[in-house]
Structure formats: structure tokens, C-alpha cells
Amino acid sequence: MTATLPPYTALEPARAEVDALAGATLLEFGTAWCGYCQATAPVLADVMATHSEVRHMRIEDGKGRALGRSYRVKLWPTLIFLKEGIEVARLVRPTDPQIIHEALVSLSS
């Protein structure tokens, strides 16, 4: 059975809140109606199921959305991997579970 992800949230935190996050965090920017996001979701869900130590925030993105603009998100889904609030990796429209896994592992090194 494939793991599932929570829905995207329209309530985005302020950039200062994200920058202050302790530990490992994955910010995922996208929308529920995006075909690329829908294609990535099952792959990402399966990989995240083995990385429960990583905080996963699914942020609904779009025109005028401050958090996505602060990270210069252009395409969905964009995955931003943060360690202590600092970006250490970024993937755009990933489909390979191994690449996602490697980016998650980089958060613990």
C-alpha cells in the first residue's frame, strides 16, 4: 500500500518562523491541482515514510504567496530541504525516489 501525504496548507508560516526551525525540515511547495505535484506525491510519500524524523510542511503556493516567493519558487513541486532553518538542498519536480532519499539523508550529515 502506498503511503499518503497530508493536504497542502494555505496557512503559510512567516519566513522568520521557517528560518528559526530547529532540526530537519522539508518544505514542499505546490498545489493540489498541479499534475506534476500529483505525480510526485506517491513517490514522496513512500520516501517520507522512512524519514519520520524530518518535519514535512506542504505549503500551497501561487501568485502573491510570500513564503514561496521568498524562496524564489518557480515550478511545482519544489522541495526545499532545511537543516536548522538553512537550505541545504533543493529538488524541482523530482520523480526519482533515490534522489529524494539522498537529499533527506543530507539533512542528518
PDB file of N, CA and C in Angstrom:
ATOM      1  N   MET A   1       0.832  -1.182   0.000  1.00  0.00           N
ATOM      2  CA  MET A   1       0.000   0.000   0.000  1.00  0.00           C
ATOM      3  C   MET A   1       0.880   1.250   0.000  1.00  0.00           C
ATOM      4  N   THR A   2       0.508   2.227  -0.784  1.00  0.00           N
ATOM      5  CA  THR A   2       1.264   3.462  -0.885  1.00  0.00           C
ATOM      6  C   THR A   2       0.914   4.392   0.265  1.00  0.00           C
ATOM      7  N   ALA A   3       1.928   5.010   0.838  1.00  0.00           N
ATOM      8  CA  ALA A   3       1.716   5.998   1.894  1.00  0.00           C
ATOM      9  C   ALA A   3       1.068   7.239   1.284  1.00  0.00           C
ATOM     10  N   THR A   4       0.421   8.044   2.116  1.00  0.00           N
ATOM     11  CA  THR A   4      -0.212   9.266   1.636  1.00  0.00           C
ATOM     12  C   THR A   4       0.345  10.470   2.384  1.00  0.00           C
ATOM     13  N   LEU A   5       0.156  11.614   1.791  1.00  0.00           N
ATOM     14  CA  LEU A   5       0.618  12.867   2.383  1.00  0.00           C
ATOM     15  C   LEU A   5      -0.587  13.687   2.833  1.00  0.00           C
ATOM     16  N   PRO A   6      -0.395  14.552   3.810  1.00  0.00           N
ATOM     17  CA  PRO A   6      -1.479  15.455   4.200  1.00  0.00           C
ATOM     18  C   PRO A   6      -1.724  16.461   3.075  1.00  0.00           C
ATOM     19  N   PRO A   7      -2.867  17.133   3.086  1.00  0.00           N
ATOM     20  CA  PRO A   7      -3.120  18.129   2.041  1.00  0.00           C
ATOM     21  C   PRO A   7      -2.192  19.337   2.187  1.00  0.00           C
ATOM     22  N   TYR A   8      -2.070  20.099   1.108  1.00  0.00           N
ATOM     23  CA  TYR A   8      -1.326  21.355   1.171  1.00  0.00           C
ATOM     24  C   TYR A   8      -2.081  22.313   2.087  1.00  0.00           C
ATOM     25  N   THR A   9      -1.362  23.098   2.849  1.00  0.00           N
ATOM     26  CA  THR A   9      -1.993  24.087   3.716  1.00  0.00           C
ATOM     27  C   THR A   9      -1.886  25.470   3.104  1.00  0.00           C
ATOM     28  N   ALA A  10      -2.977  26.213   3.166  1.00  0.00           N
ATOM     29  CA  ALA A  10      -2.975  27.590   2.673  1.00  0.00           C
ATOM     30  C   ALA A  10      -2.403  28.529   3.726  1.00  0.00           C
ATOM     31  N   LEU A  11      -2.287  28.054   4.966  1.00  0.00           N
ATOM     32  CA  LEU A  11      -1.748  28.877   6.050  1.00  0.00           C
ATOM     33  C   LEU A  11      -0.234  28.726   6.070  1.00  0.00           C
ATOM     34  N   GLU A  12       0.435  29.673   5.456  1.00  0.00           N
ATOM     35  CA  GLU A  12       1.881  29.578   5.393  1.00  0.00           C
ATOM     36  C   GLU A  12       2.508  30.319   6.572  1.00  0.00           C
ATOM     37  N   PRO A  13       3.556  29.744   7.135  1.00  0.00           N
ATOM     38  CA  PRO A  13       4.258  30.450   8.209  1.00  0.00           C
ATOM     39  C   PRO A  13       5.061  31.616   7.635  1.00  0.00           C
ATOM     40  N   ALA A  14       5.442  32.526   8.486  1.00  0.00           N
ATOM     41  CA  ALA A  14       6.317  33.628   8.066  1.00  0.00           C
ATOM     42  C   ALA A  14       7.715  33.075   7.809  1.00  0.00           C
ATOM     43  N   ARG A  15       8.445  33.726   6.942  1.00  0.00           N
ATOM     44  CA  ARG A  15       9.806  33.276   6.622  1.00  0.00           C
ATOM     45  C   ARG A  15      10.663  33.230   7.888  1.00  0.00           C
ATOM     46  N   ALA A  16      10.505  34.203   8.769  1.00  0.00           N
ATOM     47  CA  ALA A  16      11.293  34.221  10.007  1.00  0.00           C
ATOM     48  C   ALA A  16      11.017  32.982  10.855  1.00  0.00           C
ATOM     49  N   GLU A  17       9.778  32.502  10.855  1.00  0.00           N
ATOM     50  CA  GLU A  17       9.438  31.281  11.606  1.00  0.00           C
ATOM     51  C   GLU A  17      10.144  30.075  10.998  1.00  0.00           C
ATOM     52  N   VAL A  18      10.159  29.998   9.676  1.00  0.00           N
ATOM     53  CA  VAL A  18      10.816  28.877   8.999  1.00  0.00           C
ATOM     54  C   VAL A  18      12.322  28.930   9.237  1.00  0.00           C
ATOM     55  N   ASP A  19      12.908  30.109   9.145  1.00  0.00           N
ATOM     56  CA  ASP A  19      14.344  30.262   9.370  1.00  0.00           C
ATOM     57  C   ASP A  19      14.743  29.845  10.787  1.00  0.00           C
ATOM     58  N   ALA A  20      13.817  29.941  11.737  1.00  0.00           N
ATOM     59  CA  ALA A  20      14.098  29.610  13.140  1.00  0.00           C
ATOM     60  C   ALA A  20      13.810  28.150  13.490  1.00  0.00           C
ATOM     61  N   LEU A  21      13.356  27.343  12.534  1.00  0.00           N
ATOM     62  CA  LEU A  21      13.029  25.947  12.820  1.00  0.00           C
ATOM     63  C   LEU A  21      14.277  25.151  13.202  1.00  0.00           C
ATOM     64  N   ALA A  22      14.149  24.400  14.252  1.00  0.00           N
ATOM     65  CA  ALA A  22      15.243  23.526  14.682  1.00  0.00           C
ATOM     66  C   ALA A  22      15.125  22.182  13.968  1.00  0.00           C
ATOM     67  N   GLY A  23      16.264  21.551  13.744  1.00  0.00           N
ATOM     68  CA  GLY A  23      16.265  20.219  13.167  1.00  0.00           C
ATOM     69  C   GLY A  23      16.086  20.206  11.661  1.00  0.00           C
ATOM     70  N   ALA A  24      15.635  19.050  11.157  1.00  0.00           N
ATOM     71  CA  ALA A  24      15.482  18.807   9.725  1.00  0.00           C
ATOM     72  C   ALA A  24      14.052  19.076   9.286  1.00  0.00           C
ATOM     73  N   THR A  25      13.916  19.830   8.194  1.00  0.00           N
ATOM     74  CA  THR A  25      12.592  20.180   7.677  1.00  0.00           C
ATOM     75  C   THR A  25      12.591  20.064   6.161  1.00  0.00           C
ATOM     76  N   LEU A  26      11.506  19.531   5.631  1.00  0.00           N
ATOM     77  CA  LEU A  26      11.270  19.537   4.190  1.00  0.00           C
ATOM     78  C   LEU A  26      10.104  20.472   3.931  1.00  0.00           C
ATOM     79  N   LEU A  27      10.357  21.533   3.175  1.00  0.00           N
ATOM     80  CA  LEU A  27       9.295  22.417   2.706  1.00  0.00           C
ATOM     81  C   LEU A  27       8.919  21.958   1.309  1.00  0.00           C
ATOM     82  N   GLU A  28       7.645  21.675   1.105  1.00  0.00           N
ATOM     83  CA  GLU A  28       7.162  21.270  -0.215  1.00  0.00           C
ATOM     84  C   GLU A  28       6.188  22.335  -0.691  1.00  0.00           C
ATOM     85  N   PHE A  29       6.507  22.964  -1.813  1.00  0.00           N
ATOM     86  CA  PHE A  29       5.636  23.974  -2.398  1.00  0.00           C
ATOM     87  C   PHE A  29       4.929  23.385  -3.605  1.00  0.00           C
ATOM     88  N   GLY A  30       3.608  23.558  -3.664  1.00  0.00           N
ATOM     89  CA  GLY A  30       2.831  23.056  -4.790  1.00  0.00           C
ATOM     90  C   GLY A  30       1.363  23.359  -4.594  1.00  0.00           C
ATOM     91  N   THR A  31       0.512  22.685  -5.383  1.00  0.00           N
ATOM     92  CA  THR A  31      -0.932  22.809  -5.254  1.00  0.00           C
ATOM     93  C   THR A  31      -1.573  21.455  -5.499  1.00  0.00           C
ATOM     94  N   ALA A  32      -2.776  21.285  -4.993  1.00  0.00           N
ATOM     95  CA  ALA A  32      -3.491  20.013  -5.149  1.00  0.00           C
ATOM     96  C   ALA A  32      -3.854  19.725  -6.602  1.00  0.00           C
ATOM     97  N   TRP A  33      -4.063  20.756  -7.405  1.00  0.00           N
ATOM     98  CA  TRP A  33      -4.493  20.563  -8.790  1.00  0.00           C
ATOM     99  C   TRP A  33      -3.341  20.415  -9.781  1.00  0.00           C
ATOM    100  N   CYS A  34      -2.113  20.606  -9.329  1.00  0.00           N
ATOM    101  CA  CYS A  34      -0.936  20.534 -10.205  1.00  0.00           C
ATOM    102  C   CYS A  34      -0.639  19.074 -10.576  1.00  0.00           C
ATOM    103  N   GLY A  35      -0.584  18.796 -11.870  1.00  0.00           N
ATOM    104  CA  GLY A  35      -0.303  17.436 -12.331  1.00  0.00           C
ATOM    105  C   GLY A  35       1.068  16.932 -11.916  1.00  0.00           C
ATOM    106  N   TYR A  36       2.070  17.804 -11.945  1.00  0.00           N
ATOM    107  CA  TYR A  36       3.410  17.407 -11.513  1.00  0.00           C
ATOM    108  C   TYR A  36       3.415  17.073 -10.020  1.00  0.00           C
ATOM    109  N   CYS A  37       2.678  17.859  -9.237  1.00  0.00           N
ATOM    110  CA  CYS A  37       2.582  17.614  -7.798  1.00  0.00           C
ATOM    111  C   CYS A  37       1.893  16.275  -7.533  1.00  0.00           C
ATOM    112  N   GLN A  38       0.839  16.010  -8.285  1.00  0.00           N
ATOM    113  CA  GLN A  38       0.116  14.748  -8.134  1.00  0.00           C
ATOM    114  C   GLN A  38       1.001  13.561  -8.498  1.00  0.00           C
ATOM    115  N   ALA A  39       1.845  13.726  -9.509  1.00  0.00           N
ATOM    116  CA  ALA A  39       2.744  12.641  -9.921  1.00  0.00           C
ATOM    117  C   ALA A  39       3.844  12.402  -8.892  1.00  0.00           C
ATOM    118  N   THR A  40       4.318  13.453  -8.255  1.00  0.00           N
ATOM    119  CA  THR A  40       5.386  13.334  -7.263  1.00  0.00           C
ATOM    120  C   THR A  40       4.884  12.801  -5.930  1.00  0.00           C
ATOM    121  N   ALA A  41       3.634  13.087  -5.587  1.00  0.00           N
ATOM    122  CA  ALA A  41       3.101  12.783  -4.257  1.00  0.00           C
ATOM    123  C   ALA A  41       3.295  11.335  -3.802  1.00  0.00           C
ATOM    124  N   PRO A  42       2.947  10.324  -4.602  1.00  0.00           N
ATOM    125  CA  PRO A  42       3.124   8.951  -4.094  1.00  0.00           C
ATOM    126  C   PRO A  42       4.587   8.572  -3.884  1.00  0.00           C
ATOM    127  N   VAL A  43       5.467   9.065  -4.756  1.00  0.00           N
ATOM    128  CA  VAL A  43       6.900   8.796  -4.614  1.00  0.00           C
ATOM    129  C   VAL A  43       7.410   9.441  -3.334  1.00  0.00           C
ATOM    130  N   LEU A  44       7.056  10.699  -3.135  1.00  0.00           N
ATOM    131  CA  LEU A  44       7.485  11.427  -1.947  1.00  0.00           C
ATOM    132  C   LEU A  44       6.916  10.807  -0.679  1.00  0.00           C
ATOM    133  N   ALA A  45       5.660  10.411  -0.719  1.00  0.00           N
ATOM    134  CA  ALA A  45       5.029   9.803   0.460  1.00  0.00           C
ATOM    135  C   ALA A  45       5.752   8.533   0.878  1.00  0.00           C
ATOM    136  N   ASP A  46       6.109   7.703  -0.089  1.00  0.00           N
ATOM    137  CA  ASP A  46       6.811   6.456   0.225  1.00  0.00           C
ATOM    138  C   ASP A  46       8.187   6.724   0.835  1.00  0.00           C
ATOM    139  N   VAL A  47       8.900   7.711   0.299  1.00  0.00           N
ATOM    140  CA  VAL A  47      10.223   8.036   0.840  1.00  0.00           C
ATOM    141  C   VAL A  47      10.087   8.645   2.232  1.00  0.00           C
ATOM    142  N   MET A  48       9.133   9.538   2.404  1.00  0.00           N
ATOM    143  CA  MET A  48       8.939  10.189   3.710  1.00  0.00           C
ATOM    144  C   MET A  48       8.540   9.190   4.790  1.00  0.00           C
ATOM    145  N   ALA A  49       7.907   8.101   4.402  1.00  0.00           N
ATOM    146  CA  ALA A  49       7.507   7.080   5.370  1.00  0.00           C
ATOM    147  C   ALA A  49       8.720   6.477   6.078  1.00  0.00           C
ATOM    148  N   THR A  50       9.889   6.575   5.465  1.00  0.00           N
ATOM    149  CA  THR A  50      11.113   6.046   6.087  1.00  0.00           C
ATOM    150  C   THR A  50      11.966   7.149   6.716  1.00  0.00           C
ATOM    151  N   HIS A  51      11.448   8.364   6.734  1.00  0.00           N
ATOM    152  CA  HIS A  51      12.172   9.505   7.313  1.00  0.00           C
ATOM    153  C   HIS A  51      11.262  10.299   8.244  1.00  0.00           C
ATOM    154  N   SER A  52      10.688   9.613   9.200  1.00  0.00           N
ATOM    155  CA  SER A  52       9.741  10.260  10.112  1.00  0.00           C
ATOM    156  C   SER A  52      10.396  11.323  11.000  1.00  0.00           C
ATOM    157  N   GLU A  53      11.726  11.328  11.055  1.00  0.00           N
ATOM    158  CA  GLU A  53      12.428  12.322  11.871  1.00  0.00           C
ATOM    159  C   GLU A  53      12.456  13.704  11.199  1.00  0.00           C
ATOM    160  N   VAL A  54      12.080  13.768   9.932  1.00  0.00           N
ATOM    161  CA  VAL A  54      12.095  15.029   9.186  1.00  0.00           C
ATOM    162  C   VAL A  54      10.699  15.657   9.207  1.00  0.00           C
ATOM    163  N   ARG A  55      10.628  16.899   9.655  1.00  0.00           N
ATOM    164  CA  ARG A  55       9.374  17.667   9.631  1.00  0.00           C
ATOM    165  C   ARG A  55       9.038  17.940   8.165  1.00  0.00           C
ATOM    166  N   HIS A  56       7.788  17.667   7.768  1.00  0.00           N
ATOM    167  CA  HIS A  56       7.367  17.869   6.378  1.00  0.00           C
ATOM    168  C   HIS A  56       6.238  18.893   6.359  1.00  0.00           C
ATOM    169  N   MET A  57       6.478  20.003   5.704  1.00  0.00           N
ATOM    170  CA  MET A  57       5.481  21.062   5.602  1.00  0.00           C
ATOM    171  C   MET A  57       5.075  21.206   4.140  1.00  0.00           C
ATOM    172  N   ARG A  58       3.802  20.925   3.845  1.00  0.00           N
ATOM    173  CA  ARG A  58       3.280  21.062   2.480  1.00  0.00           C
ATOM    174  C   ARG A  58       2.569  22.404   2.383  1.00  0.00           C
ATOM    175  N   ILE A  59       3.142  23.320   1.636  1.00  0.00           N
ATOM    176  CA  ILE A  59       2.654  24.688   1.547  1.00  0.00           C
ATOM    177  C   ILE A  59       2.023  24.931   0.175  1.00  0.00           C
ATOM    178  N   GLU A  60       0.765  25.353   0.186  1.00  0.00           N
ATOM    179  CA  GLU A  60       0.101  25.724  -1.068  1.00  0.00           C
ATOM    180  C   GLU A  60       0.756  26.993  -1.594  1.00  0.00           C
ATOM    181  N   ASP A  61       1.161  26.945  -2.845  1.00  0.00           N
ATOM    182  CA  ASP A  61       1.882  28.068  -3.421  1.00  0.00           C
ATOM    183  C   ASP A  61       1.072  28.675  -4.556  1.00  0.00           C
ATOM    184  N   GLY A  62       1.417  29.880  -4.924  1.00  0.00           N
ATOM    185  CA  GLY A  62       0.750  30.560  -6.027  1.00  0.00           C
ATOM    186  C   GLY A  62       1.108  32.025  -6.042  1.00  0.00           C
ATOM    187  N   LYS A  63       0.511  32.730  -6.961  1.00  0.00           N
ATOM    188  CA  LYS A  63       0.775  34.155  -7.130  1.00  0.00           C
ATOM    189  C   LYS A  63       0.508  34.903  -5.825  1.00  0.00           C
ATOM    190  N   GLY A  64       1.484  35.732  -5.446  1.00  0.00           N
ATOM    191  CA  GLY A  64       1.318  36.542  -4.250  1.00  0.00           C
ATOM    192  C   GLY A  64       1.563  35.816  -2.939  1.00  0.00           C
ATOM    193  N   ARG A  65       2.002  34.580  -2.993  1.00  0.00           N
ATOM    194  CA  ARG A  65       2.265  33.820  -1.768  1.00  0.00           C
ATOM    195  C   ARG A  65       3.677  34.149  -1.298  1.00  0.00           C
ATOM    196  N   ALA A  66       3.775  34.792  -0.146  1.00  0.00           N
ATOM    197  CA  ALA A  66       5.045  35.355   0.330  1.00  0.00           C
ATOM    198  C   ALA A  66       6.141  34.320   0.572  1.00  0.00           C
ATOM    199  N   LEU A  67       5.801  33.193   1.186  1.00  0.00           N
ATOM    200  CA  LEU A  67       6.850  32.229   1.527  1.00  0.00           C
ATOM    201  C   LEU A  67       7.485  31.641   0.269  1.00  0.00           C
ATOM    202  N   GLY A  68       6.669  31.230  -0.679  1.00  0.00           N
ATOM    203  CA  GLY A  68       7.205  30.697  -1.931  1.00  0.00           C
ATOM    204  C   GLY A  68       8.056  31.706  -2.677  1.00  0.00           C
ATOM    205  N   ARG A  69       7.635  32.965  -2.659  1.00  0.00           N
ATOM    206  CA  ARG A  69       8.420  33.999  -3.344  1.00  0.00           C
ATOM    207  C   ARG A  69       9.747  34.227  -2.633  1.00  0.00           C
ATOM    208  N   SER A  70       9.737  34.130  -1.301  1.00  0.00           N
ATOM    209  CA  SER A  70      10.985  34.351  -0.566  1.00  0.00           C
ATOM    210  C   SER A  70      12.023  33.278  -0.887  1.00  0.00           C
ATOM    211  N   TYR A  71      11.561  32.096  -1.298  1.00  0.00           N
ATOM    212  CA  TYR A  71      12.467  31.022  -1.708  1.00  0.00           C
ATOM    213  C   TYR A  71      12.650  30.967  -3.229  1.00  0.00           C
ATOM    214  N   ARG A  72      12.077  31.921  -3.928  1.00  0.00           N
ATOM    215  CA  ARG A  72      12.170  32.006  -5.389  1.00  0.00           C
ATOM    216  C   ARG A  72      11.655  30.740  -6.083  1.00  0.00           C
ATOM    217  N   VAL A  73      10.545  30.212  -5.588  1.00  0.00           N
ATOM    218  CA  VAL A  73       9.923  29.035  -6.192  1.00  0.00           C
ATOM    219  C   VAL A  73       9.318  29.443  -7.534  1.00  0.00           C
ATOM    220  N   LYS A  74       9.656  28.700  -8.579  1.00  0.00           N
ATOM    221  CA  LYS A  74       9.164  28.989  -9.925  1.00  0.00           C
ATOM    222  C   LYS A  74       8.290  27.860 -10.475  1.00  0.00           C
ATOM    223  N   LEU A  75       8.630  26.620 -10.136  1.00  0.00           N
ATOM    224  CA  LEU A  75       7.911  25.447 -10.642  1.00  0.00           C
ATOM    225  C   LEU A  75       7.454  24.586  -9.476  1.00  0.00           C
ATOM    226  N   TRP A  76       6.387  23.841  -9.686  1.00  0.00           N
ATOM    227  CA  TRP A  76       5.862  22.938  -8.654  1.00  0.00           C
ATOM    228  C   TRP A  76       6.019  21.500  -9.098  1.00  0.00           C
ATOM    229  N   PRO A  77       6.175  20.606  -8.187  1.00  0.00           N
ATOM    230  CA  PRO A  77       6.523  20.878  -6.800  1.00  0.00           C
ATOM    231  C   PRO A  77       8.003  21.234  -6.670  1.00  0.00           C
ATOM    232  N   THR A  78       8.277  22.101  -5.739  1.00  0.00           N
ATOM    233  CA  THR A  78       9.651  22.404  -5.354  1.00  0.00           C
ATOM    234  C   THR A  78       9.832  21.937  -3.924  1.00  0.00           C
ATOM    235  N   LEU A  79      10.835  21.105  -3.705  1.00  0.00           N
ATOM    236  CA  LEU A  79      11.157  20.593  -2.373  1.00  0.00           C
ATOM    237  C   LEU A  79      12.412  21.303  -1.883  1.00  0.00           C
ATOM    238  N   ILE A  80      12.300  21.930  -0.714  1.00  0.00           N
ATOM    239  CA  ILE A  80      13.440  22.621  -0.129  1.00  0.00           C
ATOM    240  C   ILE A  80      13.766  21.933   1.188  1.00  0.00           C
ATOM    241  N   PHE A  81      14.993  21.464   1.289  1.00  0.00           N
ATOM    242  CA  PHE A  81      15.456  20.710   2.449  1.00  0.00           C
ATOM    243  C   PHE A  81      16.238  21.652   3.356  1.00  0.00           C
ATOM    244  N   LEU A  82      15.757  21.802   4.590  1.00  0.00           N
ATOM    245  CA  LEU A  82      16.354  22.736   5.540  1.00  0.00           C
ATOM    246  C   LEU A  82      16.956  22.002   6.723  1.00  0.00           C
ATOM    247  N   LYS A  83      18.101  22.491   7.159  1.00  0.00           N
ATOM    248  CA  LYS A  83      18.745  21.991   8.376  1.00  0.00           C
ATOM    249  C   LYS A  83      18.945  23.200   9.268  1.00  0.00           C
ATOM    250  N   GLU A  84      18.282  23.204  10.417  1.00  0.00           N
ATOM    251  CA  GLU A  84      18.326  24.345  11.334  1.00  0.00           C
ATOM    252  C   GLU A  84      17.906  25.639  10.621  1.00  0.00           C
ATOM    253  N   GLY A  85      16.912  25.518   9.726  1.00  0.00           N
ATOM    254  CA  GLY A  85      16.377  26.677   9.032  1.00  0.00           C
ATOM    255  C   GLY A  85      17.163  27.140   7.824  1.00  0.00           C
ATOM    256  N   ILE A  86      18.246  26.449   7.490  1.00  0.00           N
ATOM    257  CA  ILE A  86      19.105  26.837   6.369  1.00  0.00           C
ATOM    258  C   ILE A  86      18.954  25.823   5.237  1.00  0.00           C
ATOM    259  N   GLU A  87      18.758  26.313   4.024  1.00  0.00           N
ATOM    260  CA  GLU A  87      18.592  25.437   2.861  1.00  0.00           C
ATOM    261  C   GLU A  87      19.885  24.687   2.575  1.00  0.00           C
ATOM    262  N   VAL A  88      19.768  23.348   2.485  1.00  0.00           N
ATOM    263  CA  VAL A  88      20.932  22.524   2.156  1.00  0.00           C
ATOM    264  C   VAL A  88      20.753  21.777   0.839  1.00  0.00           C
ATOM    265  N   ALA A  89      19.513  21.684   0.362  1.00  0.00           N
ATOM    266  CA  ALA A  89      19.253  21.022  -0.917  1.00  0.00           C
ATOM    267  C   ALA A  89      17.907  21.495  -1.447  1.00  0.00           C
ATOM    268  N   ARG A  90      17.752  21.359  -2.772  1.00  0.00           N
ATOM    269  CA  ARG A  90      16.502  21.748  -3.426  1.00  0.00           C
ATOM    270  C   ARG A  90      16.277  20.796  -4.603  1.00  0.00           C
ATOM    271  N   LEU A  91      15.055  20.319  -4.733  1.00  0.00           N
ATOM    272  CA  LEU A  91      14.675  19.487  -5.870  1.00  0.00           C
ATOM    273  C   LEU A  91      13.434  20.081  -6.500  1.00  0.00           C
ATOM    274  N   VAL A  92      13.418  20.143  -7.830  1.00  0.00           N
ATOM    275  CA  VAL A  92      12.269  20.663  -8.558  1.00  0.00           C
ATOM    276  C   VAL A  92      11.704  19.543  -9.420  1.00  0.00           C
ATOM    277  N   ARG A  93      10.429  19.253  -9.214  1.00  0.00           N
ATOM    278  CA  ARG A  93       9.713  18.194  -9.947  1.00  0.00           C
ATOM    279  C   ARG A  93      10.440  16.848  -9.889  1.00  0.00           C
ATOM    280  N   PRO A  94      10.795  16.405  -8.701  1.00  0.00           N
ATOM    281  CA  PRO A  94      11.512  15.125  -8.606  1.00  0.00           C
ATOM    282  C   PRO A  94      10.580  13.936  -8.843  1.00  0.00           C
ATOM    283  N   THR A  95      11.110  12.911  -9.482  1.00  0.00           N
ATOM    284  CA  THR A  95      10.349  11.674  -9.688  1.00  0.00           C
ATOM    285  C   THR A  95      11.134  10.443  -9.248  1.00  0.00           C
ATOM    286  N   ASP A  96      12.415  10.617  -8.960  1.00  0.00           N
ATOM    287  CA  ASP A  96      13.277   9.500  -8.574  1.00  0.00           C
ATOM    288  C   ASP A  96      13.341   9.412  -7.049  1.00  0.00           C
ATOM    289  N   PRO A  97      12.832   8.329  -6.468  1.00  0.00           N
ATOM    290  CA  PRO A  97      12.844   8.219  -5.009  1.00  0.00           C
ATOM    291  C   PRO A  97      14.246   8.247  -4.416  1.00  0.00           C
ATOM    292  N   GLN A  98      15.243   7.753  -5.147  1.00  0.00           N
ATOM    293  CA  GLN A  98      16.612   7.729  -4.635  1.00  0.00           C
ATOM    294  C   GLN A  98      17.159   9.142  -4.442  1.00  0.00           C
ATOM    295  N   ILE A  99      16.857  10.039  -5.367  1.00  0.00           N
ATOM    296  CA  ILE A  99      17.330  11.418  -5.259  1.00  0.00           C
ATOM    297  C   ILE A  99      16.681  12.105  -4.054  1.00  0.00           C
ATOM    298  N   ILE A 100      15.397  11.855  -3.841  1.00  0.00           N
ATOM    299  CA  ILE A 100      14.700  12.428  -2.678  1.00  0.00           C
ATOM    300  C   ILE A 100      15.307  11.875  -1.396  1.00  0.00           C
ATOM    301  N   HIS A 101      15.522  10.570  -1.368  1.00  0.00           N
ATOM    302  CA  HIS A 101      16.134   9.927  -0.197  1.00  0.00           C
ATOM    303  C   HIS A 101      17.506  10.535   0.105  1.00  0.00           C
ATOM    304  N   GLU A 102      18.328  10.706  -0.923  1.00  0.00           N
ATOM    305  CA  GLU A 102      19.674  11.277  -0.711  1.00  0.00           C
ATOM    306  C   GLU A 102      19.609  12.693  -0.143  1.00  0.00           C
ATOM    307  N   ALA A 103      18.660  13.469  -0.628  1.00  0.00           N
ATOM    308  CA  ALA A 103      18.503  14.840  -0.096  1.00  0.00           C
ATOM    309  C   ALA A 103      18.070  14.797   1.363  1.00  0.00           C
ATOM    310  N   LEU A 104      17.197  13.867   1.713  1.00  0.00           N
ATOM    311  CA  LEU A 104      16.778  13.726   3.115  1.00  0.00           C
ATOM    312  C   LEU A 104      17.931  13.276   3.990  1.00  0.00           C
ATOM    313  N   VAL A 105      18.764  12.363   3.506  1.00  0.00           N
ATOM    314  CA  VAL A 105      19.917  11.892   4.255  1.00  0.00           C
ATOM    315  C   VAL A 105      20.900  13.044   4.485  1.00  0.00           C
ATOM    316  N   SER A 106      21.004  13.949   3.514  1.00  0.00           N
ATOM    317  CA  SER A 106      21.924  15.085   3.658  1.00  0.00           C
ATOM    318  C   SER A 106      21.544  15.969   4.851  1.00  0.00           C
ATOM    319  N   LEU A 107      20.315  15.895   5.294  1.00  0.00           N
ATOM    320  CA  LEU A 107      19.878  16.685   6.455  1.00  0.00           C
ATOM    321  C   LEU A 107      20.457  16.164   7.758  1.00  0.00           C
ATOM    322  N   SER A 108      20.864  14.906   7.778  1.00  0.00           N
ATOM    323  CA  SER A 108      21.375  14.323   9.022  1.00  0.00           C
ATOM    324  C   SER A 108      22.904  14.280   9.055  1.00  0.00           C
ATOM    325  N   SER A 109      23.534  14.738   7.991  1.00  0.00           N
ATOM    326  CA  SER A 109      25.002  14.690   7.964  1.00  0.00           C
ATOM    327  C   SER A 109      25.618  15.999   8.396  1.00  0.00           C
TER     328      SER A 109
END
